[in-house]
Amino acid sequence: MDIQKIDLSLKEQEMFALIAEHETDGMTVRKFCELKCMREATYYYWHKKYHVSRRRSLRQSGGGFSMLQVKEERDLEITSGQLLAEYKGVRFYREPSVQFLKALMS
């Protein structure tokens, strides 16, 4: 493999790791860039490349769907016994957390 390709690959991995780190820490882009000594324009350049790369890998792997294991209703342990919401067969017996809803959407 060419030296330039190796260097670019390493830089891409480092930048993608930084983008992923920022997306989980909840910090503003400006503050994150200040802490990492990075220009905001550089951040946004790599942010776009990161998401394009993720979409491409999802398409190649068959999409962004996850396999769910569905349990029979009789197997569920329902603490309150009262249905809070149901949509297209998905039942909620208590209010879900924001993190749970984000995980469902990703």
C-alpha atoms as a PDB file:
ATOM      1  CA  MET A   1       0.000   0.000   0.000  1.00  0.00           C
ATOM      2  CA  ASP A   2       1.225   3.506  -0.813  1.00  0.00           C
ATOM      3  CA  ILE A   3       2.583   5.628   2.081  1.00  0.00           C
ATOM      4  CA  GLN A   4       0.205   8.495   1.241  1.00  0.00           C
ATOM      5  CA  LYS A   5      -2.804   6.144   1.332  1.00  0.00           C
ATOM      6  CA  ILE A   6      -1.730   4.822   4.734  1.00  0.00           C
ATOM      7  CA  ASP A   7      -1.324   8.376   6.089  1.00  0.00           C
ATOM      8  CA  LEU A   8      -4.732   9.417   4.739  1.00  0.00           C
ATOM      9  CA  SER A   9      -6.332   6.281   6.153  1.00  0.00           C
ATOM     10  CA  LEU A  10      -4.850   6.946   9.591  1.00  0.00           C
ATOM     11  CA  LYS A  11      -5.948  10.585   9.498  1.00  0.00           C
ATOM     12  CA  GLU A  12      -9.447   9.509   8.422  1.00  0.00           C
ATOM     13  CA  GLN A  13      -9.665   7.055  11.315  1.00  0.00           C
ATOM     14  CA  GLU A  14      -8.505   9.692  13.794  1.00  0.00           C
ATOM     15  CA  MET A  15     -10.934  12.310  12.507  1.00  0.00           C
ATOM     16  CA  PHE A  16     -13.844   9.862  12.412  1.00  0.00           C
ATOM     17  CA  ALA A  17     -13.065   8.933  16.014  1.00  0.00           C
ATOM     18  CA  LEU A  18     -13.161  12.626  16.966  1.00  0.00           C
ATOM     19  CA  ILE A  19     -16.497  13.136  15.174  1.00  0.00           C
ATOM     20  CA  ALA A  20     -17.980  10.104  16.937  1.00  0.00           C
ATOM     21  CA  GLU A  21     -16.627  11.375  20.269  1.00  0.00           C
ATOM     22  CA  HIS A  22     -18.245  14.784  19.743  1.00  0.00           C
ATOM     23  CA  GLU A  23     -21.609  13.247  18.877  1.00  0.00           C
ATOM     24  CA  THR A  24     -21.713  11.468  22.220  1.00  0.00           C
ATOM     25  CA  ASP A  25     -20.437  14.235  24.505  1.00  0.00           C
ATOM     26  CA  GLY A  26     -23.153  16.860  23.899  1.00  0.00           C
ATOM     27  CA  MET A  27     -20.664  19.738  23.718  1.00  0.00           C
ATOM     28  CA  THR A  28     -21.044  22.592  21.222  1.00  0.00           C
ATOM     29  CA  VAL A  29     -18.949  22.340  18.061  1.00  0.00           C
ATOM     30  CA  ARG A  30     -17.122  25.564  18.927  1.00  0.00           C
ATOM     31  CA  LYS A  31     -16.145  24.362  22.413  1.00  0.00           C
ATOM     32  CA  PHE A  32     -15.187  20.902  21.128  1.00  0.00           C
ATOM     33  CA  CYS A  33     -12.960  22.414  18.427  1.00  0.00           C
ATOM     34  CA  GLU A  34     -11.292  24.704  20.957  1.00  0.00           C
ATOM     35  CA  LEU A  35     -10.514  21.734  23.225  1.00  0.00           C
ATOM     36  CA  LYS A  36      -9.134  19.670  20.340  1.00  0.00           C
ATOM     37  CA  CYS A  37      -7.238  22.620  18.758  1.00  0.00           C
ATOM     38  CA  MET A  38      -9.155  22.209  15.519  1.00  0.00           C
ATOM     39  CA  ARG A  39     -10.726  24.717  13.149  1.00  0.00           C
ATOM     40  CA  GLU A  40     -14.525  24.527  12.898  1.00  0.00           C
ATOM     41  CA  ALA A  41     -14.279  24.336   9.092  1.00  0.00           C
ATOM     42  CA  THR A  42     -12.078  21.242   9.452  1.00  0.00           C
ATOM     43  CA  TYR A  43     -14.578  19.711  11.851  1.00  0.00           C
ATOM     44  CA  TYR A  44     -17.487  20.247   9.447  1.00  0.00           C
ATOM     45  CA  TYR A  45     -15.464  18.891   6.504  1.00  0.00           C
ATOM     46  CA  TRP A  46     -14.756  15.652   8.361  1.00  0.00           C
ATOM     47  CA  HIS A  47     -18.274  15.548   9.841  1.00  0.00           C
ATOM     48  CA  LYS A  48     -19.723  15.437   6.324  1.00  0.00           C
ATOM     49  CA  LYS A  49     -17.227  12.755   5.208  1.00  0.00           C
ATOM     50  CA  TYR A  50     -18.037  10.708   8.334  1.00  0.00           C
ATOM     51  CA  HIS A  51     -21.761  10.681   7.675  1.00  0.00           C
ATOM     52  CA  VAL A  52     -21.354   9.988   3.954  1.00  0.00           C
ATOM     53  CA  SER A  53     -19.090   7.069   4.853  1.00  0.00           C
ATOM     54  CA  ARG A  54     -21.599   5.746   7.432  1.00  0.00           C
ATOM     55  CA  ARG A  55     -24.480   5.917   4.934  1.00  0.00           C
ATOM     56  CA  ARG A  56     -22.381   4.115   2.329  1.00  0.00           C
ATOM     57  CA  SER A  57     -21.415   1.348   4.753  1.00  0.00           C
ATOM     58  CA  LEU A  58     -25.058   0.956   5.869  1.00  0.00           C
ATOM     59  CA  ARG A  59     -26.179   0.569   2.252  1.00  0.00           C
ATOM     60  CA  GLN A  60     -23.468  -2.028   1.612  1.00  0.00           C
ATOM     61  CA  SER A  61     -24.328  -3.971   4.752  1.00  0.00           C
ATOM     62  CA  GLY A  62     -28.005  -4.181   3.915  1.00  0.00           C
ATOM     63  CA  GLY A  63     -29.365  -1.090   5.613  1.00  0.00           C
ATOM     64  CA  GLY A  64     -29.617   0.380   9.043  1.00  0.00           C
ATOM     65  CA  PHE A  65     -32.080  -2.095  10.431  1.00  0.00           C
ATOM     66  CA  SER A  66     -31.486  -4.152  13.528  1.00  0.00           C
ATOM     67  CA  MET A  67     -32.928  -7.560  14.248  1.00  0.00           C
ATOM     68  CA  LEU A  68     -35.443  -7.444  17.073  1.00  0.00           C
ATOM     69  CA  GLN A  69     -36.445 -10.389  19.191  1.00  0.00           C
ATOM     70  CA  VAL A  70     -40.185 -10.310  19.697  1.00  0.00           C
ATOM     71  CA  LYS A  71     -41.545 -12.011  22.781  1.00  0.00           C
ATOM     72  CA  GLU A  72     -45.039 -13.294  23.146  1.00  0.00           C
ATOM     73  CA  GLU A  73     -47.302 -11.099  25.231  1.00  0.00           C
ATOM     74  CA  ARG A  74     -47.556 -13.764  27.895  1.00  0.00           C
ATOM     75  CA  ASP A  75     -43.738 -13.708  28.268  1.00  0.00           C
ATOM     76  CA  LEU A  76     -43.632  -9.992  29.053  1.00  0.00           C
ATOM     77  CA  GLU A  77     -43.324  -8.865  32.621  1.00  0.00           C
ATOM     78  CA  ILE A  78     -45.561  -5.837  32.865  1.00  0.00           C
ATOM     79  CA  THR A  79     -45.231  -4.071  36.159  1.00  0.00           C
ATOM     80  CA  SER A  80     -48.071  -1.587  35.933  1.00  0.00           C
ATOM     81  CA  GLY A  81     -50.374  -3.652  33.735  1.00  0.00           C
ATOM     82  CA  GLN A  82     -51.664  -0.495  32.080  1.00  0.00           C
ATOM     83  CA  LEU A  83     -50.882   0.253  28.432  1.00  0.00           C
ATOM     84  CA  LEU A  84     -49.442   3.752  27.951  1.00  0.00           C
ATOM     85  CA  ALA A  85     -49.174   3.818  24.138  1.00  0.00           C
ATOM     86  CA  GLU A  86     -49.231   1.532  21.125  1.00  0.00           C
ATOM     87  CA  TYR A  87     -48.166   2.274  17.572  1.00  0.00           C
ATOM     88  CA  LYS A  88     -47.960  -0.287  14.764  1.00  0.00           C
ATOM     89  CA  GLY A  89     -47.752  -3.169  17.191  1.00  0.00           C
ATOM     90  CA  VAL A  90     -45.155  -1.613  19.517  1.00  0.00           C
ATOM     91  CA  ARG A  91     -46.515  -1.291  23.042  1.00  0.00           C
ATOM     92  CA  PHE A  92     -45.222   0.955  25.799  1.00  0.00           C
ATOM     93  CA  TYR A  93     -46.278   0.278  29.354  1.00  0.00           C
ATOM     94  CA  ARG A  94     -44.223   3.132  30.763  1.00  0.00           C
ATOM     95  CA  GLU A  95     -42.662   6.290  29.352  1.00  0.00           C
ATOM     96  CA  PRO A  96     -39.451   5.387  27.458  1.00  0.00           C
ATOM     97  CA  SER A  97     -36.234   7.327  27.956  1.00  0.00           C
ATOM     98  CA  VAL A  98     -34.912   9.652  25.275  1.00  0.00           C
ATOM     99  CA  GLN A  99     -31.823   7.429  24.857  1.00  0.00           C
ATOM    100  CA  PHE A 100     -34.069   4.426  24.193  1.00  0.00           C
ATOM    101  CA  LEU A 101     -36.015   6.304  21.515  1.00  0.00           C
ATOM    102  CA  LYS A 102     -32.788   7.499  19.887  1.00  0.00           C
ATOM    103  CA  ALA A 103     -31.503   3.917  19.831  1.00  0.00           C
ATOM    104  CA  LEU A 104     -34.714   2.779  18.130  1.00  0.00           C
ATOM    105  CA  MET A 105     -34.273   5.416  15.453  1.00  0.00           C
ATOM    106  CA  SER A 106     -30.593   4.672  14.736  1.00  0.00           C
END
